[in-house]
């Protein structure tokens, strides 16, 4: 069985998140993208504490697609230093994992 990943990133608004997810789906780098609007992020940037509204985006893919997905995100993401974390899916419903694998196969 292949290894599924849940990849987390954030974007500034829903329109950017929708466009971002759609482009990654069209490139078959992800099987699914989920937007979680209404997030509030606090962080330090260039020595100053920041607070921003963001949309959390969860991208579901296969570990074999990681390098291509990371590259696409680096090219397409509007942030200078985007949050990008890949979390292995330790367990999952077999039917879902099979579907996911079929969606990212080119």
N, C-alpha and C. Protein backbone atom coordinates (compact mmCIF):
# COMPACT_ATOMS: atom_id res chain seq x y z
N UNK A 1 0.84 -1.19 0.00
CA UNK A 1 0.00 0.00 0.00
C UNK A 1 0.88 1.25 0.00
N UNK A 2 0.46 2.26 -0.69
CA UNK A 2 1.19 3.52 -0.74
C UNK A 2 0.93 4.33 0.51
N UNK A 3 1.75 5.35 0.74
CA UNK A 3 1.64 6.20 1.92
C UNK A 3 0.91 7.49 1.60
N UNK A 4 -0.19 7.73 2.25
CA UNK A 4 -0.94 8.97 2.06
C UNK A 4 -0.36 10.06 2.95
N UNK A 5 -0.48 11.30 2.49
CA UNK A 5 -0.07 12.47 3.25
C UNK A 5 -1.23 13.45 3.35
N UNK A 6 -1.29 14.15 4.46
CA UNK A 6 -2.15 15.31 4.61
C UNK A 6 -1.20 16.50 4.70
N UNK A 7 -1.29 17.39 3.73
CA UNK A 7 -0.38 18.53 3.64
C UNK A 7 -1.15 19.78 4.05
N UNK A 8 -0.56 20.54 4.95
CA UNK A 8 -1.21 21.72 5.51
C UNK A 8 -0.51 22.98 5.02
N UNK A 9 -1.31 23.94 4.58
CA UNK A 9 -0.80 25.27 4.26
C UNK A 9 -1.88 26.28 4.60
N UNK A 10 -1.55 27.56 4.51
CA UNK A 10 -2.52 28.62 4.75
C UNK A 10 -2.44 29.64 3.62
N UNK A 11 -3.58 30.25 3.35
CA UNK A 11 -3.65 31.33 2.36
C UNK A 11 -4.46 32.48 2.95
N UNK A 12 -4.35 33.64 2.34
CA UNK A 12 -4.93 34.85 2.90
C UNK A 12 -6.43 34.99 2.76
N UNK A 13 -7.04 34.31 1.76
CA UNK A 13 -8.48 34.45 1.58
C UNK A 13 -9.04 33.26 0.82
N UNK A 14 -10.36 33.14 0.81
CA UNK A 14 -11.01 31.98 0.19
C UNK A 14 -10.80 31.93 -1.32
N UNK A 15 -10.80 33.07 -1.99
CA UNK A 15 -10.60 33.07 -3.45
C UNK A 15 -9.23 32.51 -3.80
N UNK A 16 -8.20 32.95 -3.08
CA UNK A 16 -6.85 32.42 -3.32
C UNK A 16 -6.79 30.93 -3.02
N UNK A 17 -7.43 30.51 -1.92
CA UNK A 17 -7.41 29.09 -1.54
C UNK A 17 -8.11 28.24 -2.59
N UNK A 18 -9.26 28.71 -3.08
CA UNK A 18 -10.02 27.96 -4.09
C UNK A 18 -9.19 27.81 -5.37
N UNK A 19 -8.59 28.89 -5.82
CA UNK A 19 -7.77 28.84 -7.02
C UNK A 19 -6.56 27.92 -6.83
N UNK A 20 -5.95 28.01 -5.68
CA UNK A 20 -4.79 27.19 -5.34
C UNK A 20 -5.14 25.70 -5.40
N UNK A 21 -6.23 25.33 -4.73
CA UNK A 21 -6.66 23.92 -4.70
C UNK A 21 -7.02 23.45 -6.11
N UNK A 22 -7.77 24.25 -6.84
CA UNK A 22 -8.19 23.87 -8.19
C UNK A 22 -6.99 23.59 -9.10
N UNK A 23 -5.99 24.45 -9.03
CA UNK A 23 -4.79 24.25 -9.85
C UNK A 23 -4.05 22.97 -9.50
N UNK A 24 -3.97 22.65 -8.20
CA UNK A 24 -3.29 21.42 -7.78
C UNK A 24 -4.09 20.18 -8.17
N UNK A 25 -5.42 20.28 -8.14
CA UNK A 25 -6.27 19.17 -8.60
C UNK A 25 -6.09 18.94 -10.09
N UNK A 26 -6.10 20.03 -10.86
CA UNK A 26 -5.93 19.91 -12.31
C UNK A 26 -4.59 19.28 -12.68
N UNK A 27 -3.57 19.57 -11.89
CA UNK A 27 -2.24 18.99 -12.12
C UNK A 27 -2.12 17.57 -11.57
N UNK A 28 -3.19 17.08 -10.93
CA UNK A 28 -3.24 15.74 -10.34
C UNK A 28 -2.16 15.54 -9.27
N UNK A 29 -1.84 16.61 -8.57
CA UNK A 29 -0.88 16.53 -7.47
C UNK A 29 -1.57 16.21 -6.15
N UNK A 30 -2.88 16.44 -6.10
CA UNK A 30 -3.68 16.11 -4.92
C UNK A 30 -4.95 15.41 -5.37
N UNK A 31 -5.52 14.63 -4.47
CA UNK A 31 -6.81 14.00 -4.74
C UNK A 31 -7.95 14.82 -4.18
N UNK A 32 -7.63 15.64 -3.16
CA UNK A 32 -8.66 16.42 -2.50
C UNK A 32 -8.01 17.60 -1.79
N UNK A 33 -8.70 18.71 -1.78
CA UNK A 33 -8.28 19.87 -1.01
C UNK A 33 -9.45 20.37 -0.20
N UNK A 34 -9.21 20.72 1.03
CA UNK A 34 -10.26 21.19 1.93
C UNK A 34 -9.90 22.57 2.47
N UNK A 35 -10.81 23.52 2.33
CA UNK A 35 -10.61 24.87 2.86
C UNK A 35 -11.28 24.97 4.23
N UNK A 36 -10.57 25.53 5.18
CA UNK A 36 -11.11 25.80 6.51
C UNK A 36 -10.99 27.30 6.76
N UNK A 37 -11.98 28.07 6.30
CA UNK A 37 -11.90 29.53 6.46
C UNK A 37 -12.11 29.93 7.92
N UNK A 38 -11.77 31.16 8.21
CA UNK A 38 -12.00 31.70 9.54
C UNK A 38 -10.87 31.49 10.52
N UNK A 39 -9.71 31.04 10.03
CA UNK A 39 -8.57 30.85 10.92
C UNK A 39 -7.97 32.20 11.29
N UNK A 40 -7.35 32.27 12.42
CA UNK A 40 -6.65 33.46 12.88
C UNK A 40 -5.26 33.01 13.27
N UNK A 41 -4.24 33.60 12.68
CA UNK A 41 -2.85 33.21 12.95
C UNK A 41 -2.09 34.34 13.61
N UNK A 42 -1.31 33.99 14.60
CA UNK A 42 -0.38 34.90 15.27
C UNK A 42 1.01 34.35 15.07
N UNK A 43 1.92 35.20 14.67
CA UNK A 43 3.29 34.76 14.40
C UNK A 43 4.22 35.96 14.45
N UNK A 44 5.50 35.68 14.48
CA UNK A 44 6.49 36.73 14.45
C UNK A 44 7.09 36.76 13.05
N UNK A 45 7.13 37.94 12.45
CA UNK A 45 7.71 38.11 11.11
C UNK A 45 8.60 39.34 11.13
N UNK A 46 9.85 39.13 10.75
CA UNK A 46 10.84 40.19 10.69
C UNK A 46 10.86 41.02 11.99
N UNK A 47 10.82 40.29 13.12
CA UNK A 47 10.95 40.91 14.42
C UNK A 47 9.70 41.53 15.01
N UNK A 48 8.58 41.42 14.31
CA UNK A 48 7.34 42.03 14.78
C UNK A 48 6.25 40.97 14.88
N UNK A 49 5.50 41.02 15.95
CA UNK A 49 4.38 40.10 16.10
C UNK A 49 3.27 40.50 15.14
N UNK A 50 2.72 39.51 14.44
CA UNK A 50 1.66 39.73 13.44
C UNK A 50 0.41 38.95 13.84
N UNK A 51 -0.73 39.43 13.39
CA UNK A 51 -2.00 38.73 13.54
C UNK A 51 -2.75 38.87 12.22
N UNK A 52 -3.17 37.75 11.65
CA UNK A 52 -3.81 37.77 10.33
C UNK A 52 -4.98 36.79 10.27
N UNK A 53 -5.98 37.12 9.47
CA UNK A 53 -7.03 36.16 9.11
C UNK A 53 -6.48 35.30 7.98
N UNK A 54 -6.72 34.01 8.04
CA UNK A 54 -6.24 33.10 7.01
C UNK A 54 -7.26 32.00 6.75
N UNK A 55 -7.03 31.29 5.68
CA UNK A 55 -7.77 30.08 5.34
C UNK A 55 -6.80 28.92 5.43
N UNK A 56 -7.10 27.96 6.30
CA UNK A 56 -6.28 26.75 6.39
C UNK A 56 -6.69 25.85 5.24
N UNK A 57 -5.70 25.30 4.56
CA UNK A 57 -5.96 24.39 3.44
C UNK A 57 -5.30 23.05 3.74
N UNK A 58 -6.11 21.99 3.68
CA UNK A 58 -5.62 20.63 3.84
C UNK A 58 -5.63 19.96 2.48
N UNK A 59 -4.48 19.46 2.08
CA UNK A 59 -4.32 18.82 0.78
C UNK A 59 -4.02 17.35 1.01
N UNK A 60 -4.77 16.47 0.36
CA UNK A 60 -4.54 15.04 0.51
C UNK A 60 -3.89 14.48 -0.75
N UNK A 61 -2.79 13.76 -0.54
CA UNK A 61 -2.01 13.25 -1.66
C UNK A 61 -1.26 11.98 -1.25
N UNK A 62 -0.43 11.51 -2.13
CA UNK A 62 0.44 10.36 -1.89
C UNK A 62 1.86 10.84 -1.64
N UNK A 63 2.59 10.14 -0.81
CA UNK A 63 3.98 10.50 -0.51
C UNK A 63 4.82 10.57 -1.78
N UNK A 64 4.52 9.75 -2.75
CA UNK A 64 5.28 9.75 -4.01
C UNK A 64 5.12 11.07 -4.76
N UNK A 65 4.08 11.84 -4.46
CA UNK A 65 3.84 13.13 -5.12
C UNK A 65 4.45 14.30 -4.35
N UNK A 66 5.06 14.04 -3.20
CA UNK A 66 5.54 15.11 -2.33
C UNK A 66 6.48 16.09 -3.04
N UNK A 67 7.50 15.60 -3.71
CA UNK A 67 8.47 16.51 -4.35
C UNK A 67 7.80 17.41 -5.39
N UNK A 68 6.94 16.83 -6.21
CA UNK A 68 6.26 17.63 -7.23
C UNK A 68 5.27 18.60 -6.59
N UNK A 69 4.57 18.17 -5.55
CA UNK A 69 3.62 19.04 -4.86
C UNK A 69 4.35 20.19 -4.17
N UNK A 70 5.43 19.87 -3.47
CA UNK A 70 6.21 20.92 -2.80
C UNK A 70 6.70 21.96 -3.80
N UNK A 71 7.20 21.50 -4.92
CA UNK A 71 7.69 22.41 -5.96
C UNK A 71 6.56 23.29 -6.49
N UNK A 72 5.41 22.70 -6.75
CA UNK A 72 4.26 23.46 -7.25
C UNK A 72 3.80 24.49 -6.23
N UNK A 73 3.79 24.12 -4.97
CA UNK A 73 3.37 25.05 -3.93
C UNK A 73 4.37 26.20 -3.82
N UNK A 74 5.65 25.90 -3.86
CA UNK A 74 6.67 26.95 -3.80
C UNK A 74 6.50 27.93 -4.97
N UNK A 75 6.13 27.43 -6.14
CA UNK A 75 5.96 28.29 -7.32
C UNK A 75 4.67 29.09 -7.27
N UNK A 76 3.60 28.50 -6.74
CA UNK A 76 2.27 29.10 -6.83
C UNK A 76 1.84 29.88 -5.59
N UNK A 77 2.46 29.62 -4.46
CA UNK A 77 1.98 30.21 -3.21
C UNK A 77 2.33 31.69 -3.16
N UNK A 78 1.38 32.54 -2.76
CA UNK A 78 1.65 33.98 -2.74
C UNK A 78 2.51 34.44 -1.57
N UNK A 79 2.68 33.64 -0.54
CA UNK A 79 3.47 34.05 0.62
C UNK A 79 4.96 33.91 0.34
N UNK A 80 5.76 34.79 0.88
CA UNK A 80 7.22 34.70 0.74
C UNK A 80 7.75 33.43 1.40
N UNK A 81 7.23 33.09 2.58
CA UNK A 81 7.60 31.87 3.29
C UNK A 81 6.30 31.16 3.68
N UNK A 82 5.76 30.33 2.79
CA UNK A 82 4.49 29.68 3.10
C UNK A 82 4.65 28.60 4.17
N UNK A 83 3.63 28.50 4.99
CA UNK A 83 3.55 27.35 5.90
C UNK A 83 3.31 26.12 5.04
N UNK A 84 4.11 25.09 5.24
CA UNK A 84 3.94 23.87 4.46
C UNK A 84 4.41 22.70 5.32
N UNK A 85 3.46 21.91 5.77
CA UNK A 85 3.75 20.76 6.61
C UNK A 85 3.09 19.53 6.01
N UNK A 86 3.83 18.44 5.91
CA UNK A 86 3.28 17.18 5.41
C UNK A 86 3.21 16.20 6.57
N UNK A 87 2.01 15.70 6.82
CA UNK A 87 1.77 14.78 7.92
C UNK A 87 1.39 13.42 7.35
N UNK A 88 2.10 12.36 7.74
CA UNK A 88 1.74 11.04 7.22
C UNK A 88 0.40 10.58 7.78
N UNK A 89 -0.40 9.98 6.93
CA UNK A 89 -1.65 9.37 7.37
C UNK A 89 -1.32 7.96 7.84
N UNK A 90 -1.30 7.78 9.13
CA UNK A 90 -0.90 6.48 9.71
C UNK A 90 -1.95 5.42 9.42
N UNK A 91 -3.20 5.81 9.47
CA UNK A 91 -4.31 4.89 9.20
C UNK A 91 -5.34 5.62 8.36
N UNK A 92 -6.17 4.84 7.66
CA UNK A 92 -7.25 5.43 6.88
C UNK A 92 -8.15 4.34 6.34
N UNK A 93 -9.31 4.73 5.93
CA UNK A 93 -10.26 3.81 5.33
C UNK A 93 -9.68 3.32 4.00
N UNK A 94 -9.59 2.02 3.84
CA UNK A 94 -8.97 1.45 2.64
C UNK A 94 -9.59 1.97 1.35
N UNK A 95 -10.91 2.08 1.30
CA UNK A 95 -11.58 2.56 0.08
C UNK A 95 -11.17 4.00 -0.22
N UNK A 96 -11.04 4.83 0.82
CA UNK A 96 -10.62 6.22 0.61
C UNK A 96 -9.17 6.27 0.12
N UNK A 97 -8.30 5.51 0.75
CA UNK A 97 -6.89 5.51 0.36
C UNK A 97 -6.71 5.01 -1.07
N UNK A 98 -7.49 4.02 -1.47
CA UNK A 98 -7.42 3.53 -2.85
C UNK A 98 -7.90 4.60 -3.82
N UNK A 99 -9.00 5.28 -3.48
CA UNK A 99 -9.50 6.36 -4.31
C UNK A 99 -8.46 7.47 -4.43
N UNK A 100 -7.84 7.85 -3.31
CA UNK A 100 -6.84 8.90 -3.31
C UNK A 100 -5.69 8.53 -4.24
N UNK A 101 -5.21 7.32 -4.12
CA UNK A 101 -4.10 6.87 -4.97
C UNK A 101 -4.48 6.94 -6.45
N UNK A 102 -5.71 6.59 -6.77
CA UNK A 102 -6.15 6.60 -8.17
C UNK A 102 -6.24 8.04 -8.71
N UNK A 103 -6.55 9.00 -7.87
CA UNK A 103 -6.71 10.39 -8.30
C UNK A 103 -5.39 11.11 -8.57
N UNK A 104 -4.32 10.68 -7.95
CA UNK A 104 -3.03 11.35 -8.16
C UNK A 104 -2.14 10.58 -9.12
N UNK A 105 -2.66 9.51 -9.69
CA UNK A 105 -1.92 8.74 -10.68
C UNK A 105 -2.08 9.41 -12.03
N UNK A 106 -0.94 9.64 -12.70
CA UNK A 106 -1.02 10.28 -14.02
C UNK A 106 -0.80 9.27 -15.11
